[in-house]
C-alpha atoms as a PDB file:
ATOM      1  CA  MET A   1    -324.345-146.013 -64.309  1.00  0.00           C
ATOM      2  CA  THR A   2    -323.051-145.858 -60.846  1.00  0.00           C
ATOM      3  CA  SER A   3    -319.341-144.876 -59.768  1.00  0.00           C
ATOM      4  CA  LYS A   4    -318.811-148.894 -58.750  1.00  0.00           C
ATOM      5  CA  GLU A   5    -320.110-149.883 -62.237  1.00  0.00           C
ATOM      6  CA  ARG A   6    -318.028-147.590 -64.162  1.00  0.00           C
ATOM      7  CA  ARG A   7    -315.108-149.340 -66.024  1.00  0.00           C
ATOM      8  CA  LEU A   8    -311.764-147.865 -65.173  1.00  0.00           C
ATOM      9  CA  LEU A   9    -310.049-146.284 -68.137  1.00  0.00           C
ATOM     10  CA  SER A  10    -306.586-147.314 -69.035  1.00  0.00           C
ATOM     11  CA  HIS A  11    -304.980-144.137 -67.422  1.00  0.00           C
ATOM     12  CA  GLU A  12    -306.770-144.909 -64.349  1.00  0.00           C
ATOM     13  CA  LEU A  13    -305.165-148.543 -63.766  1.00  0.00           C
ATOM     14  CA  PRO A  14    -302.486-148.795 -61.353  1.00  0.00           C
ATOM     15  CA  ALA A  15    -299.200-148.248 -62.955  1.00  0.00           C
ATOM     16  CA  THR A  16    -295.721-149.703 -61.722  1.00  0.00           C
ATOM     17  CA  PRO A  17    -293.342-146.480 -60.788  1.00  0.00           C
ATOM     18  CA  PRO A  18    -290.199-146.163 -63.127  1.00  0.00           C
ATOM     19  CA  ASP A  19    -286.903-147.487 -61.205  1.00  0.00           C
ATOM     20  CA  ALA A  20    -284.375-144.841 -60.235  1.00  0.00           C
ATOM     21  CA  ALA A  21    -282.226-145.243 -63.028  1.00  0.00           C
ATOM     22  CA  THR A  22    -284.868-144.454 -65.725  1.00  0.00           C
ATOM     23  CA  VAL A  23    -286.203-141.529 -63.823  1.00  0.00           C
ATOM     24  CA  ALA A  24    -282.353-140.097 -63.808  1.00  0.00           C
ATOM     25  CA  ALA A  25    -282.118-140.971 -67.368  1.00  0.00           C
ATOM     26  CA  ARG A  26    -285.199-138.684 -68.115  1.00  0.00           C
ATOM     27  CA  SER A  27    -284.633-135.689 -66.251  1.00  0.00           C
ATOM     28  CA  GLY A  28    -283.593-132.725 -68.015  1.00  0.00           C
ATOM     29  CA  LYS A  29    -285.306-133.963 -71.254  1.00  0.00           C
ATOM     30  CA  ILE A  30    -287.964-132.108 -73.012  1.00  0.00           C
ATOM     31  CA  THR A  31    -291.464-134.044 -72.764  1.00  0.00           C
ATOM     32  CA  ILE A  32    -293.177-134.477 -75.847  1.00  0.00           C
ATOM     33  CA  SER A  33    -296.811-135.846 -76.266  1.00  0.00           C
ATOM     34  CA  THR A  34    -298.804-136.488 -79.262  1.00  0.00           C
ATOM     35  CA  ILE A  35    -302.414-137.138 -80.445  1.00  0.00           C
ATOM     36  CA  SER A  36    -304.591-137.951 -83.375  1.00  0.00           C
ATOM     37  CA  LEU A  37    -308.251-136.544 -83.299  1.00  0.00           C
ATOM     38  CA  CYS A  38    -310.351-136.839 -86.697  1.00  0.00           C
ATOM     39  CA  GLY A  39    -307.442-137.390 -89.136  1.00  0.00           C
ATOM     40  CA  CYS A  40    -306.066-140.136 -91.182  1.00  0.00           C
ATOM     41  CA  TRP A  41    -302.805-140.590 -89.088  1.00  0.00           C
ATOM     42  CA  GLY A  42    -300.838-139.513 -92.159  1.00  0.00           C
ATOM     43  CA  CYS A  43    -299.233-136.895 -89.816  1.00  0.00           C
ATOM     44  CA  THR A  44    -298.329-139.226 -86.950  1.00  0.00           C
ATOM     45  CA  LEU A  45    -296.578-141.118 -89.925  1.00  0.00           C
ATOM     46  CA  SER A  46    -294.458-137.898 -90.852  1.00  0.00           C
ATOM     47  CA  ILE A  47    -293.011-138.283 -87.371  1.00  0.00           C
ATOM     48  CA  LEU A  48    -291.765-141.526 -88.661  1.00  0.00           C
ATOM     49  CA  ASP A  49    -290.633-140.142 -91.700  1.00  0.00           C
ATOM     50  CA  CYS A  50    -287.811-138.316 -89.744  1.00  0.00           C
ATOM     51  CA  ASP A  51    -286.272-141.753 -89.993  1.00  0.00           C
ATOM     52  CA  GLU A  52    -282.729-142.319 -88.434  1.00  0.00           C
ATOM     53  CA  ARG A  53    -282.181-138.836 -87.301  1.00  0.00           C
ATOM     54  CA  ILE A  54    -284.953-138.839 -84.793  1.00  0.00           C
ATOM     55  CA  VAL A  55    -282.676-141.461 -82.750  1.00  0.00           C
ATOM     56  CA  PRO A  56    -280.054-138.902 -81.421  1.00  0.00           C
ATOM     57  CA  LEU A  57    -283.057-136.569 -80.458  1.00  0.00           C
ATOM     58  CA  LEU A  58    -284.078-139.540 -78.017  1.00  0.00           C
ATOM     59  CA  ASP A  59    -281.276-138.570 -75.898  1.00  0.00           C
ATOM     60  CA  LYS A  60    -282.886-134.946 -75.468  1.00  0.00           C
ATOM     61  CA  VAL A  61    -286.477-135.927 -75.688  1.00  0.00           C
ATOM     62  CA  THR A  62    -288.912-138.199 -73.811  1.00  0.00           C
ATOM     63  CA  ILE A  63    -292.275-139.033 -75.265  1.00  0.00           C
ATOM     64  CA  VAL A  64    -294.802-139.225 -72.657  1.00  0.00           C
ATOM     65  CA  ARG A  65    -297.714-140.026 -74.515  1.00  0.00           C
ATOM     66  CA  SER A  66    -298.232-141.017 -78.324  1.00  0.00           C
ATOM     67  CA  SER A  67    -300.779-142.246 -80.538  1.00  0.00           C
ATOM     68  CA  LEU A  68    -298.545-145.201 -81.207  1.00  0.00           C
ATOM     69  CA  THR A  69    -299.514-146.488 -77.396  1.00  0.00           C
ATOM     70  CA  ASP A  70    -302.611-146.892 -75.860  1.00  0.00           C
ATOM     71  CA  ILE A  71    -301.919-144.199 -72.730  1.00  0.00           C
ATOM     72  CA  LYS A  72    -305.014-141.882 -72.843  1.00  0.00           C
ATOM     73  CA  ARG A  73    -303.915-139.016 -70.768  1.00  0.00           C
ATOM     74  CA  ILE A  74    -300.795-136.914 -70.335  1.00  0.00           C
ATOM     75  CA  PRO A  75    -299.452-138.324 -67.085  1.00  0.00           C
ATOM     76  CA  GLY A  76    -298.659-134.632 -65.580  1.00  0.00           C
ATOM     77  CA  HIS A  77    -296.817-131.510 -67.157  1.00  0.00           C
ATOM     78  CA  CYS A  78    -295.740-132.055 -71.024  1.00  0.00           C
ATOM     79  CA  ASP A  79    -293.533-129.138 -72.901  1.00  0.00           C
ATOM     80  CA  ILE A  80    -294.877-129.808 -76.543  1.00  0.00           C
ATOM     81  CA  GLY A  81    -298.030-131.387 -77.674  1.00  0.00           C
ATOM     82  CA  PHE A  82    -298.514-132.440 -81.167  1.00  0.00           C
ATOM     83  CA  VAL A  83    -302.201-132.652 -82.365  1.00  0.00           C
ATOM     84  CA  GLU A  84    -303.170-134.337 -85.673  1.00  0.00           C
ATOM     85  CA  GLY A  85    -306.528-134.061 -86.971  1.00  0.00           C
ATOM     86  CA  GLY A  86    -309.461-131.812 -86.596  1.00  0.00           C
ATOM     87  CA  VAL A  87    -312.399-131.733 -83.903  1.00  0.00           C
ATOM     88  CA  ALA A  88    -315.280-133.757 -85.190  1.00  0.00           C
ATOM     89  CA  ASN A  89    -316.857-135.156 -81.956  1.00  0.00           C
ATOM     90  CA  GLU A  90    -317.070-134.487 -78.147  1.00  0.00           C
ATOM     91  CA  GLU A  91    -314.282-136.698 -77.408  1.00  0.00           C
ATOM     92  CA  ASN A  92    -312.030-134.872 -79.487  1.00  0.00           C
ATOM     93  CA  ILE A  93    -312.969-131.764 -77.829  1.00  0.00           C
ATOM     94  CA  GLU A  94    -312.269-133.373 -74.426  1.00  0.00           C
ATOM     95  CA  THR A  95    -308.936-134.789 -75.514  1.00  0.00           C
ATOM     96  CA  LEU A  96    -307.683-131.511 -76.974  1.00  0.00           C
ATOM     97  CA  GLU A  97    -308.759-129.665 -74.023  1.00  0.00           C
ATOM     98  CA  HIS A  98    -306.773-131.812 -71.883  1.00  0.00           C
ATOM     99  CA  PHE A  99    -303.621-131.444 -74.062  1.00  0.00           C
ATOM    100  CA  ARG A 100    -304.341-127.570 -73.956  1.00  0.00           C
ATOM    101  CA  GLU A 101    -304.036-127.632 -70.112  1.00  0.00           C
ATOM    102  CA  HIS A 102    -300.998-130.023 -69.746  1.00  0.00           C
ATOM    103  CA  CYS A 103    -298.727-128.919 -72.608  1.00  0.00           C
ATOM    104  CA  ASP A 104    -296.941-125.613 -72.500  1.00  0.00           C
ATOM    105  CA  ILE A 105    -296.777-125.584 -76.393  1.00  0.00           C
ATOM    106  CA  LEU A 106    -299.405-127.072 -78.600  1.00  0.00           C
ATOM    107  CA  ILE A 107    -298.692-127.481 -82.185  1.00  0.00           C
ATOM    108  CA  SER A 108    -301.537-128.276 -85.156  1.00  0.00           C
ATOM    109  CA  VAL A 109    -299.993-130.718 -87.355  1.00  0.00           C
ATOM    110  CA  GLY A 110    -301.445-131.192 -91.037  1.00  0.00           C
ATOM    111  CA  ALA A 111    -304.358-129.540 -92.902  1.00  0.00           C
ATOM    112  CA  CYS A 112    -307.036-131.303 -90.761  1.00  0.00           C
ATOM    113  CA  ALA A 113    -305.670-129.993 -87.280  1.00  0.00           C
ATOM    114  CA  CYS A 114    -304.822-126.468 -89.261  1.00  0.00           C
ATOM    115  CA  TRP A 115    -308.074-125.992 -91.153  1.00  0.00           C
ATOM    116  CA  GLY A 116    -310.705-129.173 -90.926  1.00  0.00           C
ATOM    117  CA  GLY A 117    -309.118-130.788 -93.878  1.00  0.00           C
ATOM    118  CA  ILE A 118    -311.324-133.665 -95.820  1.00  0.00           C
ATOM    119  CA  PRO A 119    -313.203-134.270 -93.073  1.00  0.00           C
ATOM    120  CA  SER A 120    -314.652-130.876 -93.110  1.00  0.00           C
ATOM    121  CA  LEU A 121    -316.094-131.417 -96.413  1.00  0.00           C
ATOM    122  CA  ARG A 122    -319.411-132.525 -94.339  1.00  0.00           C
ATOM    123  CA  ASN A 123    -319.682-129.079 -93.103  1.00  0.00           C
ATOM    124  CA  PRO A 124    -321.484-127.171 -95.960  1.00  0.00           C
ATOM    125  CA  ILE A 125    -323.851-130.300 -96.409  1.00  0.00           C
ATOM    126  CA  GLY A 126    -325.121-130.553 -92.547  1.00  0.00           C
ATOM    127  CA  LEU A 127    -324.704-133.194 -89.862  1.00  0.00           C
ATOM    128  CA  ALA A 128    -328.316-134.183 -90.520  1.00  0.00           C
ATOM    129  CA  GLU A 129    -328.125-135.092 -94.074  1.00  0.00           C
ATOM    130  CA  CYS A 130    -324.646-136.633 -93.660  1.00  0.00           C
ATOM    131  CA  LEU A 131    -326.305-139.369 -90.784  1.00  0.00           C
ATOM    132  CA  ALA A 132    -329.297-139.801 -92.905  1.00  0.00           C
ATOM    133  CA  THR A 133    -327.017-140.468 -96.425  1.00  0.00           C
ATOM    134  CA  ALA A 134    -324.807-142.979 -93.948  1.00  0.00           C
ATOM    135  CA  PHE A 135    -327.545-144.938 -92.296  1.00  0.00           C
ATOM    136  CA  THR A 136    -331.407-144.198 -92.742  1.00  0.00           C
ATOM    137  CA  GLU A 137    -331.048-143.583 -96.614  1.00  0.00           C
ATOM    138  CA  SER A 138    -328.185-145.372 -97.769  1.00  0.00           C
ATOM    139  CA  PRO A 139    -328.396-147.147-101.149  1.00  0.00           C
ATOM    140  CA  THR A 140    -326.735-150.255 -99.280  1.00  0.00           C
ATOM    141  CA  LEU A 141    -329.202-150.722 -96.835  1.00  0.00           C
ATOM    142  CA  PRO A 142    -331.021-153.862 -96.696  1.00  0.00           C
ATOM    143  CA  LYS A 143    -334.551-153.320 -97.560  1.00  0.00           C
ATOM    144  CA  ASP A 144    -335.876-155.076 -94.257  1.00  0.00           C
ATOM    145  CA  ALA A 145    -333.171-153.445 -92.022  1.00  0.00           C
ATOM    146  CA  ARG A 146    -334.779-151.308 -89.162  1.00  0.00           C
ATOM    147  CA  LYS A 147    -333.622-147.440 -90.223  1.00  0.00           C
ATOM    148  CA  VAL A 148    -331.879-145.871 -87.303  1.00  0.00           C
ATOM    149  CA  ILE A 149    -329.128-143.676 -86.499  1.00  0.00           C
ATOM    150  CA  PRO A 150    -326.468-145.499 -83.973  1.00  0.00           C
ATOM    151  CA  LEU A 151    -326.800-143.834 -80.561  1.00  0.00           C
ATOM    152  CA  HIS A 152    -325.107-145.173 -77.504  1.00  0.00           C
ATOM    153  CA  PRO A 153    -323.001-143.923 -74.503  1.00  0.00           C
ATOM    154  CA  GLU A 154    -319.955-145.372 -75.952  1.00  0.00           C
ATOM    155  CA  ILE A 155    -320.354-143.840 -79.145  1.00  0.00           C
ATOM    156  CA  PRO A 156    -318.857-140.177 -78.992  1.00  0.00           C
ATOM    157  CA  ARG A 157    -321.334-137.560 -80.013  1.00  0.00           C
ATOM    158  CA  LEU A 158    -320.510-135.936 -83.193  1.00  0.00           C
ATOM    159  CA  THR A 159    -320.251-132.044 -83.325  1.00  0.00           C
ATOM    160  CA  ASP A 160    -322.463-130.045 -85.668  1.00  0.00           C
ATOM    161  CA  LYS A 161    -319.277-129.333 -88.257  1.00  0.00           C
ATOM    162  CA  VAL A 162    -315.534-130.371 -87.963  1.00  0.00           C
ATOM    163  CA  TYR A 163    -313.417-127.598 -86.461  1.00  0.00           C
ATOM    164  CA  PRO A 164    -309.876-126.838 -86.755  1.00  0.00           C
ATOM    165  CA  CYS A 165    -308.004-127.003 -83.515  1.00  0.00           C
ATOM    166  CA  HIS A 166    -307.588-123.100 -83.087  1.00  0.00           C
ATOM    167  CA  GLU A 167    -311.177-122.869 -82.836  1.00  0.00           C
ATOM    168  CA  VAL A 168    -311.548-124.850 -79.940  1.00  0.00           C
ATOM    169  CA  VAL A 169    -308.301-124.266 -77.999  1.00  0.00           C
ATOM    170  CA  ALA A 170    -305.682-121.593 -78.392  1.00  0.00           C
ATOM    171  CA  MET A 171    -302.877-123.403 -80.769  1.00  0.00           C
ATOM    172  CA  ASP A 172    -299.115-122.013 -80.448  1.00  0.00           C
ATOM    173  CA  TYR A 173    -297.460-123.345 -83.696  1.00  0.00           C
ATOM    174  CA  PHE A 174    -298.916-124.422 -87.099  1.00  0.00           C
ATOM    175  CA  ILE A 175    -297.381-127.068 -89.387  1.00  0.00           C
ATOM    176  CA  PRO A 176    -299.103-127.014 -92.635  1.00  0.00           C
ATOM    177  CA  GLY A 177    -299.083-129.956 -95.136  1.00  0.00           C
ATOM    178  CA  CYS A 178    -301.358-133.442 -96.021  1.00  0.00           C
ATOM    179  CA  PRO A 179    -299.503-134.763 -94.595  1.00  0.00           C
ATOM    180  CA  PRO A 180    -296.455-132.336 -93.645  1.00  0.00           C
ATOM    181  CA  ASP A 181    -293.292-133.283 -94.951  1.00  0.00           C
ATOM    182  CA  GLY A 182    -290.880-135.417 -92.356  1.00  0.00           C
ATOM    183  CA  ASP A 183    -288.106-132.653 -92.942  1.00  0.00           C
ATOM    184  CA  ALA A 184    -290.708-129.980 -91.404  1.00  0.00           C
ATOM    185  CA  VAL A 185    -291.635-132.040 -88.443  1.00  0.00           C
ATOM    186  CA  PHE A 186    -288.048-132.986 -87.720  1.00  0.00           C
ATOM    187  CA  ALA A 187    -287.206-129.124 -87.944  1.00  0.00           C
ATOM    188  CA  VAL A 188    -289.772-128.343 -85.038  1.00  0.00           C
ATOM    189  CA  LEU A 189    -288.548-131.481 -83.112  1.00  0.00           C
ATOM    190  CA  ASP A 190    -284.739-130.486 -83.586  1.00  0.00           C
ATOM    191  CA  ASP A 191    -285.345-126.787 -82.704  1.00  0.00           C
ATOM    192  CA  ALA A 192    -287.161-128.111 -79.471  1.00  0.00           C
ATOM    193  CA  ALA A 193    -284.812-130.624 -78.358  1.00  0.00           C
ATOM    194  CA  HIS A 194    -281.994-128.179 -78.642  1.00  0.00           C
ATOM    195  CA  GLY A 195    -283.789-125.347 -76.998  1.00  0.00           C
ATOM    196  CA  ARG A 196    -284.053-123.041 -79.867  1.00  0.00           C
ATOM    197  CA  PRO A 197    -286.859-120.942 -80.900  1.00  0.00           C
ATOM    198  CA  LEU A 198    -289.301-122.965 -83.080  1.00  0.00           C
ATOM    199  CA  ASN A 199    -288.494-121.716 -86.739  1.00  0.00           C
ATOM    200  CA  LEU A 200    -290.161-123.551 -89.663  1.00  0.00           C
ATOM    201  CA  PRO A 201    -288.337-122.690 -92.724  1.00  0.00           C
ATOM    202  CA  ARG A 202    -290.620-121.792 -95.652  1.00  0.00           C
ATOM    203  CA  SER A 203    -288.623-124.464 -97.828  1.00  0.00           C
ATOM    204  CA  VAL A 204    -290.104-127.504 -95.706  1.00  0.00           C
ATOM    205  CA  THR A 205    -293.508-126.765 -96.003  1.00  0.00           C
ATOM    206  CA  ARG A 206    -296.177-127.537 -98.470  1.00  0.00           C
ATOM    207  CA  PHE A 207    -299.851-127.744 -98.713  1.00  0.00           C
ATOM    208  CA  ASP A 208    -300.467-130.607-100.859  1.00  0.00           C
END
């Protein structure tokens, strides 16, 4: 595929600059980005579980990239990045490295980001056996179907195993839980918004 044939990605499309009032309103705020890698989005929902408490924080925080939007890349520098999910394919690696490069502080959110979580259950079995069970030896495969494992340039290649984020890039903080309690996420957001050192009380952490 030549450079002329390559399709533009969303973060490469022309964007309308924000007006002066918007720029002024955002100045001085802490910038935050979030991403979901190989996970279930439960940790992203924990951010929403902060409920109405998050509204006052928006006076001090600007969300520049979120799993709830279609923005694929952080537009410039970001103060804090929240990462949900483990690393299971090459696209996850690229995204996580981009976050590490553009975020001053990077936080693993939830069991998958911290330890690999449920997706890492494939690790003891091996990638080849998992692919065979899912595609070429599946009990639901029609008898006349061609036994093939999908391979296409637009399908990210799976890694040999599922990795926790800190085995791919350096992570600064960890919020455990499956998913973390909304109180835990709020405690970190509240500290960040008010310029305090991040301090996650043990009373709001859990591992189930």
